[in-house]
């Protein structure tokens, strides 16, 4: 009978250790996913802002060119590369 009790206690101890390890792994996964999502969202917002700023500057450059400003003036005003301004003025 003592052997059965020892085996049962050993089994229960093993089961508790497994559950502890599994819970630790599951928690680490959840935290890792949360951190990854936060980083991804932050990067996405930054890229979206940069893209929006570039698009706004491009639209402003087109309006300035239509008003007759030189490509150099428009590049200076919008902080866009002169190459982009020249491409806009030729299209």
PDB file of N, CA and C in Angstrom:
ATOM      1  N   UNK A   1       0.820  -1.193   0.000  1.00  0.00           N
ATOM      2  CA  UNK A   1       0.000   0.000   0.000  1.00  0.00           C
ATOM      3  C   UNK A   1       0.866   1.261   0.000  1.00  0.00           C
ATOM      4  N   UNK A   2       1.995   1.177   0.712  1.00  0.00           N
ATOM      5  CA  UNK A   2       2.886   2.326   0.802  1.00  0.00           C
ATOM      6  C   UNK A   2       3.430   2.686  -0.583  1.00  0.00           C
ATOM      7  N   UNK A   3       3.721   1.681  -1.385  1.00  0.00           N
ATOM      8  CA  UNK A   3       4.224   1.919  -2.739  1.00  0.00           C
ATOM      9  C   UNK A   3       3.208   2.677  -3.579  1.00  0.00           C
ATOM     10  N   UNK A   4       1.961   2.324  -3.443  1.00  0.00           N
ATOM     11  CA  UNK A   4       0.895   2.985  -4.201  1.00  0.00           C
ATOM     12  C   UNK A   4       0.807   4.449  -3.793  1.00  0.00           C
ATOM     13  N   UNK A   5       0.895   4.720  -2.501  1.00  0.00           N
ATOM     14  CA  UNK A   5       0.836   6.100  -2.023  1.00  0.00           C
ATOM     15  C   UNK A   5       2.031   6.904  -2.534  1.00  0.00           C
ATOM     16  N   UNK A   6       3.202   6.307  -2.503  1.00  0.00           N
ATOM     17  CA  UNK A   6       4.404   6.986  -2.991  1.00  0.00           C
ATOM     18  C   UNK A   6       4.282   7.286  -4.478  1.00  0.00           C
ATOM     19  N   UNK A   7       3.773   6.339  -5.229  1.00  0.00           N
ATOM     20  CA  UNK A   7       3.600   6.556  -6.672  1.00  0.00           C
ATOM     21  C   UNK A   7       2.567   7.653  -6.925  1.00  0.00           C
ATOM     22  N   UNK A   8       1.519   7.654  -6.139  1.00  0.00           N
ATOM     23  CA  UNK A   8       0.477   8.671  -6.284  1.00  0.00           C
ATOM     24  C   UNK A   8       1.042  10.052  -5.963  1.00  0.00           C
ATOM     25  N   UNK A   9       1.780  10.145  -4.870  1.00  0.00           N
ATOM     26  CA  UNK A   9       2.388  11.425  -4.481  1.00  0.00           C
ATOM     27  C   UNK A   9       3.376  11.869  -5.554  1.00  0.00           C
ATOM     28  N   UNK A  10       4.163  10.958  -6.070  1.00  0.00           N
ATOM     29  CA  UNK A  10       5.119  11.271  -7.130  1.00  0.00           C
ATOM     30  C   UNK A  10       4.399  11.764  -8.382  1.00  0.00           C
ATOM     31  N   UNK A  11       3.304  11.090  -8.719  1.00  0.00           N
ATOM     32  CA  UNK A  11       2.513  11.491  -9.887  1.00  0.00           C
ATOM     33  C   UNK A  11       1.936  12.886  -9.698  1.00  0.00           C
ATOM     34  N   UNK A  12       1.365  13.150  -8.549  1.00  0.00           N
ATOM     35  CA  UNK A  12       0.774  14.454  -8.271  1.00  0.00           C
ATOM     36  C   UNK A  12       1.834  15.557  -8.287  1.00  0.00           C
ATOM     37  N   UNK A  13       2.997  15.272  -7.729  1.00  0.00           N
ATOM     38  CA  UNK A  13       4.095  16.235  -7.733  1.00  0.00           C
ATOM     39  C   UNK A  13       4.530  16.526  -9.162  1.00  0.00           C
ATOM     40  N   UNK A  14       4.637  15.484  -9.944  1.00  0.00           N
ATOM     41  CA  UNK A  14       5.021  15.634 -11.348  1.00  0.00           C
ATOM     42  C   UNK A  14       3.979  16.448 -12.111  1.00  0.00           C
ATOM     43  N   UNK A  15       2.710  16.170 -11.843  1.00  0.00           N
ATOM     44  CA  UNK A  15       1.623  16.877 -12.512  1.00  0.00           C
ATOM     45  C   UNK A  15       1.644  18.364 -12.141  1.00  0.00           C
ATOM     46  N   UNK A  16       1.895  18.674 -10.876  1.00  0.00           N
ATOM     47  CA  UNK A  16       1.958  20.069 -10.435  1.00  0.00           C
ATOM     48  C   UNK A  16       3.142  20.784 -11.085  1.00  0.00           C
ATOM     49  N   UNK A  17       4.279  20.098 -11.176  1.00  0.00           N
ATOM     50  CA  UNK A  17       5.454  20.702 -11.813  1.00  0.00           C
ATOM     51  C   UNK A  17       5.168  20.983 -13.282  1.00  0.00           C
ATOM     52  N   UNK A  18       4.518  20.039 -13.946  1.00  0.00           N
ATOM     53  CA  UNK A  18       4.156  20.231 -15.360  1.00  0.00           C
ATOM     54  C   UNK A  18       3.240  21.438 -15.515  1.00  0.00           C
ATOM     55  N   UNK A  19       2.239  21.540 -14.653  1.00  0.00           N
ATOM     56  CA  UNK A  19       1.298  22.667 -14.739  1.00  0.00           C
ATOM     57  C   UNK A  19       2.007  23.988 -14.487  1.00  0.00           C
ATOM     58  N   UNK A  20       2.923  24.005 -13.517  1.00  0.00           N
ATOM     59  CA  UNK A  20       3.685  25.227 -13.247  1.00  0.00           C
ATOM     60  C   UNK A  20       4.498  25.650 -14.458  1.00  0.00           C
ATOM     61  N   UNK A  21       5.169  24.686 -15.072  1.00  0.00           N
ATOM     62  CA  UNK A  21       5.990  24.990 -16.254  1.00  0.00           C
ATOM     63  C   UNK A  21       5.100  25.448 -17.402  1.00  0.00           C
ATOM     64  N   UNK A  22       3.997  24.747 -17.606  1.00  0.00           N
ATOM     65  CA  UNK A  22       3.082  25.109 -18.698  1.00  0.00           C
ATOM     66  C   UNK A  22       2.523  26.508 -18.486  1.00  0.00           C
ATOM     67  N   UNK A  23       2.132  26.827 -17.256  1.00  0.00           N
ATOM     68  CA  UNK A  23       1.624  28.176 -16.967  1.00  0.00           C
ATOM     69  C   UNK A  23       2.696  29.234 -17.210  1.00  0.00           C
ATOM     70  N   UNK A  24       3.933  28.938 -16.835  1.00  0.00           N
ATOM     71  CA  UNK A  24       5.030  29.890 -17.071  1.00  0.00           C
ATOM     72  C   UNK A  24       5.238  30.116 -18.564  1.00  0.00           C
ATOM     73  N   UNK A  25       5.212  29.060 -19.332  1.00  0.00           N
ATOM     74  CA  UNK A  25       5.394  29.167 -20.778  1.00  0.00           C
ATOM     75  C   UNK A  25       4.230  29.928 -21.403  1.00  0.00           C
ATOM     76  N   UNK A  26       3.016  29.595 -20.994  1.00  0.00           N
ATOM     77  CA  UNK A  26       1.842  30.288 -21.539  1.00  0.00           C
ATOM     78  C   UNK A  26       1.871  31.781 -21.220  1.00  0.00           C
ATOM     79  N   UNK A  27       2.270  32.114 -19.999  1.00  0.00           N
ATOM     80  CA  UNK A  27       2.376  33.524 -19.606  1.00  0.00           C
ATOM     81  C   UNK A  27       3.442  34.230 -20.431  1.00  0.00           C
ATOM     82  N   UNK A  28       4.572  33.583 -20.613  1.00  0.00           N
ATOM     83  CA  UNK A  28       5.648  34.181 -21.408  1.00  0.00           C
ATOM     84  C   UNK A  28       5.193  34.403 -22.851  1.00  0.00           C
ATOM     85  N   UNK A  29       4.456  33.454 -23.395  1.00  0.00           N
ATOM     86  CA  UNK A  29       3.941  33.615 -24.761  1.00  0.00           C
ATOM     87  C   UNK A  29       3.003  34.814 -24.847  1.00  0.00           C
ATOM     88  N   UNK A  30       2.068  34.902 -23.903  1.00  0.00           N
ATOM     89  CA  UNK A  30       1.120  36.018 -23.915  1.00  0.00           C
ATOM     90  C   UNK A  30       1.848  37.352 -23.809  1.00  0.00           C
ATOM     91  N   UNK A  31       2.812  37.427 -22.898  1.00  0.00           N
ATOM     92  CA  UNK A  31       3.565  38.674 -22.726  1.00  0.00           C
ATOM     93  C   UNK A  31       4.378  38.989 -23.971  1.00  0.00           C
ATOM     94  N   UNK A  32       4.950  37.964 -24.580  1.00  0.00           N
ATOM     95  CA  UNK A  32       5.716  38.175 -25.808  1.00  0.00           C
ATOM     96  C   UNK A  32       4.845  38.672 -26.939  1.00  0.00           C
ATOM     97  N   UNK A  33       3.657  38.117 -27.050  1.00  0.00           N
ATOM     98  CA  UNK A  33       2.722  38.553 -28.090  1.00  0.00           C
ATOM     99  C   UNK A  33       2.321  39.999 -27.850  1.00  0.00           C
ATOM    100  N   UNK A  34       2.027  40.344 -26.592  1.00  0.00           N
ATOM    101  CA  UNK A  34       1.653  41.721 -26.267  1.00  0.00           C
ATOM    102  C   UNK A  34       2.770  42.694 -26.624  1.00  0.00           C
ATOM    103  N   UNK A  35       3.987  42.350 -26.265  1.00  0.00           N
ATOM    104  CA  UNK A  35       5.131  43.223 -26.555  1.00  0.00           C
ATOM    105  C   UNK A  35       5.298  43.361 -28.062  1.00  0.00           C
ATOM    106  N   UNK A  36       5.203  42.246 -28.770  1.00  0.00           N
ATOM    107  CA  UNK A  36       5.331  42.280 -30.227  1.00  0.00           C
ATOM    108  C   UNK A  36       4.249  43.131 -30.876  1.00  0.00           C
ATOM    109  N   UNK A  37       3.036  43.011 -30.384  1.00  0.00           N
ATOM    110  CA  UNK A  37       1.937  43.812 -30.926  1.00  0.00           C
ATOM    111  C   UNK A  37       2.174  45.299 -30.685  1.00  0.00           C
ATOM    112  N   UNK A  38       2.621  45.628 -29.474  1.00  0.00           N
ATOM    113  CA  UNK A  38       2.896  47.043 -29.164  1.00  0.00           C
ATOM    114  C   UNK A  38       3.970  47.599 -30.084  1.00  0.00           C
ATOM    115  N   UNK A  39       5.049  46.841 -30.268  1.00  0.00           N
ATOM    116  CA  UNK A  39       6.128  47.300 -31.144  1.00  0.00           C
ATOM    117  C   UNK A  39       5.640  47.436 -32.576  1.00  0.00           C
ATOM    118  N   UNK A  40       4.855  46.469 -33.035  1.00  0.00           N
ATOM    119  CA  UNK A  40       4.331  46.515 -34.398  1.00  0.00           C
ATOM    120  C   UNK A  40       3.406  47.699 -34.620  1.00  0.00           C
ATOM    121  N   UNK A  41       2.554  47.955 -33.646  1.00  0.00           N
ATOM    122  CA  UNK A  41       1.638  49.092 -33.762  1.00  0.00           C
ATOM    123  C   UNK A  41       2.412  50.411 -33.785  1.00  0.00           C
ATOM    124  N   UNK A  42       3.413  50.514 -32.936  1.00  0.00           N
ATOM    125  CA  UNK A  42       4.220  51.736 -32.886  1.00  0.00           C
ATOM    126  C   UNK A  42       4.927  51.958 -34.224  1.00  0.00           C
ATOM    127  N   UNK A  43       5.523  50.901 -34.741  1.00  0.00           N
ATOM    128  CA  UNK A  43       6.223  51.020 -36.016  1.00  0.00           C
ATOM    129  C   UNK A  43       5.249  51.378 -37.131  1.00  0.00           C
ATOM    130  N   UNK A  44       4.069  50.773 -37.113  1.00  0.00           N
ATOM    131  CA  UNK A  44       3.059  51.067 -38.127  1.00  0.00           C
ATOM    132  C   UNK A  44       2.616  52.521 -38.071  1.00  0.00           C
ATOM    133  N   UNK A  45       2.419  53.045 -36.857  1.00  0.00           N
ATOM    134  CA  UNK A  45       2.031  54.450 -36.721  1.00  0.00           C
ATOM    135  C   UNK A  45       3.129  55.369 -37.245  1.00  0.00           C
ATOM    136  N   UNK A  46       4.377  55.052 -36.901  1.00  0.00           N
ATOM    137  CA  UNK A  46       5.496  55.881 -37.361  1.00  0.00           C
ATOM    138  C   UNK A  46       5.581  55.880 -38.885  1.00  0.00           C
ATOM    139  N   UNK A  47       5.453  54.694 -39.479  1.00  0.00           N
ATOM    140  CA  UNK A  47       5.516  54.607 -40.940  1.00  0.00           C
ATOM    141  C   UNK A  47       4.341  55.348 -41.574  1.00  0.00           C
ATOM    142  N   UNK A  48       3.162  55.236 -40.961  1.00  0.00           N
ATOM    143  CA  UNK A  48       1.984  55.927 -41.483  1.00  0.00           C
ATOM    144  C   UNK A  48       2.143  57.435 -41.424  1.00  0.00           C
ATOM    145  N   UNK A  49       2.696  57.917 -40.328  1.00  0.00           N
ATOM    146  CA  UNK A  49       2.926  59.366 -40.213  1.00  0.00           C
ATOM    147  C   UNK A  49       3.924  59.843 -41.261  1.00  0.00           C
ATOM    148  N   UNK A  50       5.000  59.092 -41.441  1.00  0.00           N
ATOM    149  CA  UNK A  50       6.021  59.483 -42.420  1.00  0.00           C
ATOM    150  C   UNK A  50       5.426  59.477 -43.824  1.00  0.00           C
ATOM    151  N   UNK A  51       4.635  58.459 -44.117  1.00  0.00           N
ATOM    152  CA  UNK A  51       4.009  58.382 -45.443  1.00  0.00           C
ATOM    153  C   UNK A  51       3.025  59.533 -45.646  1.00  0.00           C
ATOM    154  N   UNK A  52       2.243  59.837 -44.620  1.00  0.00           N
ATOM    155  CA  UNK A  52       1.289  60.942 -44.707  1.00  0.00           C
ATOM    156  C   UNK A  52       1.986  62.283 -44.875  1.00  0.00           C
ATOM    157  N   UNK A  53       3.092  62.456 -44.157  1.00  0.00           N
ATOM    158  CA  UNK A  53       3.848  63.711 -44.279  1.00  0.00           C
ATOM    159  C   UNK A  53       4.415  63.860 -45.685  1.00  0.00           C
ATOM    160  N   UNK A  54       4.954  62.767 -46.214  1.00  0.00           N
ATOM    161  CA  UNK A  54       5.511  62.809 -47.568  1.00  0.00           C
ATOM    162  C   UNK A  54       4.414  63.116 -48.590  1.00  0.00           C
ATOM    163  N   UNK A  55       3.270  62.496 -48.417  1.00  0.00           N
ATOM    164  CA  UNK A  55       2.152  62.727 -49.344  1.00  0.00           C
ATOM    165  C   UNK A  55       1.683  64.177 -49.272  1.00  0.00           C
ATOM    166  N   UNK A  56       1.595  64.726 -48.063  1.00  0.00           N
ATOM    167  CA  UNK A  56       1.183  66.120 -47.897  1.00  0.00           C
ATOM    168  C   UNK A  56       2.207  67.063 -48.524  1.00  0.00           C
ATOM    169  N   UNK A  57       3.491  66.785 -48.318  1.00  0.00           N
ATOM    170  CA  UNK A  57       4.532  67.628 -48.916  1.00  0.00           C
ATOM    171  C   UNK A  57       4.494  67.543 -50.437  1.00  0.00           C
ATOM    172  N   UNK A  58       4.211  66.375 -50.962  1.00  0.00           N
ATOM    173  CA  UNK A  58       4.124  66.210 -52.415  1.00  0.00           C
ATOM    174  C   UNK A  58       2.952  67.016 -52.968  1.00  0.00           C
ATOM    175  N   UNK A  59       1.808  66.971 -52.291  1.00  0.00           N
ATOM    176  CA  UNK A  59       0.651  67.754 -52.738  1.00  0.00           C
ATOM    177  C   UNK A  59       0.938  69.250 -52.663  1.00  0.00           C
ATOM    178  N   UNK A  60       1.606  69.660 -51.588  1.00  0.00           N
ATOM    179  CA  UNK A  60       1.976  71.071 -51.449  1.00  0.00           C
ATOM    180  C   UNK A  60       2.925  71.474 -52.569  1.00  0.00           C
ATOM    181  N   UNK A  61       3.877  70.614 -52.876  1.00  0.00           N
ATOM    182  CA  UNK A  61       4.833  70.898 -53.947  1.00  0.00           C
ATOM    183  C   UNK A  61       4.110  71.070 -55.280  1.00  0.00           C
ATOM    184  N   UNK A  62       3.136  70.233 -55.554  1.00  0.00           N
ATOM    185  CA  UNK A  62       2.387  70.349 -56.808  1.00  0.00           C
ATOM    186  C   UNK A  62       1.647  71.678 -56.878  1.00  0.00           C
ATOM    187  N   UNK A  63       1.065  72.099 -55.767  1.00  0.00           N
ATOM    188  CA  UNK A  63       0.361  73.388 -55.753  1.00  0.00           C
ATOM    189  C   UNK A  63       1.340  74.553 -55.933  1.00  0.00           C
ATOM    190  N   UNK A  64       2.505  74.464 -55.273  1.00  0.00           N
ATOM    191  CA  UNK A  64       3.494  75.534 -55.413  1.00  0.00           C
ATOM    192  C   UNK A  64       4.024  75.619 -56.838  1.00  0.00           C
ATOM    193  N   UNK A  65       4.242  74.476 -57.455  1.00  0.00           N
ATOM    194  CA  UNK A  65       4.683  74.466 -58.855  1.00  0.00           C
ATOM    195  C   UNK A  65       3.617  75.073 -59.756  1.00  0.00           C
ATOM    196  N   UNK A  66       2.348  74.756 -59.474  1.00  0.00           N
ATOM    197  CA  UNK A  66       1.249  75.309 -60.271  1.00  0.00           C
ATOM    198  C   UNK A  66       1.150  76.821 -60.110  1.00  0.00           C
ATOM    199  N   UNK A  67       1.611  77.326 -58.950  1.00  0.00           N
ATOM    200  CA  UNK A  67       1.603  78.773 -58.716  1.00  0.00           C
ATOM    201  C   UNK A  67       2.775  79.466 -59.403  1.00  0.00           C
ATOM    202  N   UNK A  68       3.682  78.669 -59.986  1.00  0.00           N
ATOM    203  CA  UNK A  68       4.783  79.249 -60.732  1.00  0.00           C
ATOM    204  C   UNK A  68       6.104  79.332 -59.989  1.00  0.00           C
ATOM    205  N   UNK A  69       6.216  78.762 -58.814  1.00  0.00           N
ATOM    206  CA  UNK A  69       7.491  78.787 -58.095  1.00  0.00           C
ATOM    207  C   UNK A  69       8.473  77.849 -58.786  1.00  0.00           C
ATOM    208  N   UNK A  70       9.757  78.167 -58.669  1.00  0.00           N
ATOM    209  CA  UNK A  70      10.784  77.327 -59.279  1.00  0.00           C
ATOM    210  C   UNK A  70      10.916  76.018 -58.493  1.00  0.00           C
ATOM    211  N   UNK A  71      11.483  75.008 -59.136  1.00  0.00           N
ATOM    212  CA  UNK A  71      11.682  73.710 -58.496  1.00  0.00           C
ATOM    213  C   UNK A  71      12.563  73.853 -57.259  1.00  0.00           C
ATOM    214  N   UNK A  72      13.563  74.724 -57.335  1.00  0.00           N
ATOM    215  CA  UNK A  72      14.461  74.940 -56.201  1.00  0.00           C
ATOM    216  C   UNK A  72      13.717  75.545 -55.010  1.00  0.00           C
ATOM    217  N   UNK A  73      12.843  76.534 -55.288  1.00  0.00           N
ATOM    218  CA  UNK A  73      12.065  77.160 -54.224  1.00  0.00           C
ATOM    219  C   UNK A  73      11.116  76.147 -53.566  1.00  0.00           C
ATOM    220  N   UNK A  74      10.487  75.341 -54.411  1.00  0.00           N
ATOM    221  CA  UNK A  74       9.546  74.339 -53.905  1.00  0.00           C
ATOM    222  C   UNK A  74      10.286  73.301 -53.066  1.00  0.00           C
ATOM    223  N   UNK A  75      11.460  72.881 -53.530  1.00  0.00           N
ATOM    224  CA  UNK A  75      12.250  71.900 -52.769  1.00  0.00           C
ATOM    225  C   UNK A  75      12.626  72.466 -51.403  1.00  0.00           C
ATOM    226  N   UNK A  76      12.994  73.733 -51.379  1.00  0.00           N
ATOM    227  CA  UNK A  76      13.365  74.357 -50.116  1.00  0.00           C
ATOM    228  C   UNK A  76      12.151  74.487 -49.193  1.00  0.00           C
ATOM    229  N   UNK A  77      11.014  74.849 -49.746  1.00  0.00           N
ATOM    230  CA  UNK A  77       9.807  75.052 -48.941  1.00  0.00           C
ATOM    231  C   UNK A  77       9.250  73.740 -48.393  1.00  0.00           C
ATOM    232  N   UNK A  78       9.310  72.687 -49.188  1.00  0.00           N
ATOM    233  CA  UNK A  78       8.704  71.413 -48.774  1.00  0.00           C
ATOM    234  C   UNK A  78       9.701  70.443 -48.155  1.00  0.00           C
ATOM    235  N   UNK A  79      10.982  70.739 -48.276  1.00  0.00           N
ATOM    236  CA  UNK A  79      12.056  69.865 -47.804  1.00  0.00           C
ATOM    237  C   UNK A  79      12.054  68.516 -48.526  1.00  0.00           C
ATOM    238  N   UNK A  80      11.540  68.519 -49.747  1.00  0.00           N
ATOM    239  CA  UNK A  80      11.604  67.318 -50.587  1.00  0.00           C
ATOM    240  C   UNK A  80      12.841  67.428 -51.464  1.00  0.00           C
ATOM    241  N   UNK A  81      13.425  66.300 -51.848  1.00  0.00           N
ATOM    242  CA  UNK A  81      14.585  66.346 -52.737  1.00  0.00           C
ATOM    243  C   UNK A  81      14.231  67.009 -54.076  1.00  0.00           C
ATOM    244  N   UNK A  82      15.180  67.722 -54.618  1.00  0.00           N
ATOM    245  CA  UNK A  82      14.978  68.432 -55.877  1.00  0.00           C
ATOM    246  C   UNK A  82      14.579  67.469 -56.988  1.00  0.00           C
ATOM    247  N   UNK A  83      15.110  66.267 -56.970  1.00  0.00           N
ATOM    248  CA  UNK A  83      14.762  65.253 -57.979  1.00  0.00           C
ATOM    249  C   UNK A  83      13.264  64.984 -57.993  1.00  0.00           C
ATOM    250  N   UNK A  84      12.678  64.848 -56.830  1.00  0.00           N
ATOM    251  CA  UNK A  84      11.236  64.579 -56.749  1.00  0.00           C
ATOM    252  C   UNK A  84      10.463  65.769 -57.294  1.00  0.00           C
ATOM    253  N   UNK A  85      10.888  66.959 -56.952  1.00  0.00           N
ATOM    254  CA  UNK A  85      10.206  68.165 -57.421  1.00  0.00           C
ATOM    255  C   UNK A  85      10.277  68.244 -58.946  1.00  0.00           C
ATOM    256  N   UNK A  86      11.449  67.958 -59.507  1.00  0.00           N
ATOM    257  CA  UNK A  86      11.592  67.985 -60.966  1.00  0.00           C
ATOM    258  C   UNK A  86      10.716  66.930 -61.623  1.00  0.00           C
ATOM    259  N   UNK A  87      10.589  65.754 -60.985  1.00  0.00           N
ATOM    260  CA  UNK A  87       9.705  64.714 -61.515  1.00  0.00           C
ATOM    261  C   UNK A  87       8.254  65.177 -61.483  1.00  0.00           C
ATOM    262  N   UNK A  88       7.889  65.897 -60.436  1.00  0.00           N
ATOM    263  CA  UNK A  88       6.521  66.406 -60.324  1.00  0.00           C
ATOM    264  C   UNK A  88       6.248  67.469 -61.377  1.00  0.00           C
ATOM    265  N   UNK A  89       7.240  68.320 -61.625  1.00  0.00           N
ATOM    266  CA  UNK A  89       7.037  69.401 -62.578  1.00  0.00           C
ATOM    267  C   UNK A  89       6.992  68.892 -64.009  1.00  0.00           C
ATOM    268  N   UNK A  90       7.613  67.742 -64.265  1.00  0.00           N
ATOM    269  CA  UNK A  90       7.595  67.200 -65.628  1.00  0.00           C
ATOM    270  C   UNK A  90       6.376  66.315 -65.872  1.00  0.00           C
ATOM    271  N   UNK A  91       5.648  65.954 -64.810  1.00  0.00           N
ATOM    272  CA  UNK A  91       4.468  65.091 -65.024  1.00  0.00           C
ATOM    273  C   UNK A  91       3.198  65.873 -65.161  1.00  0.00           C
TER     274      UNK A  91
END
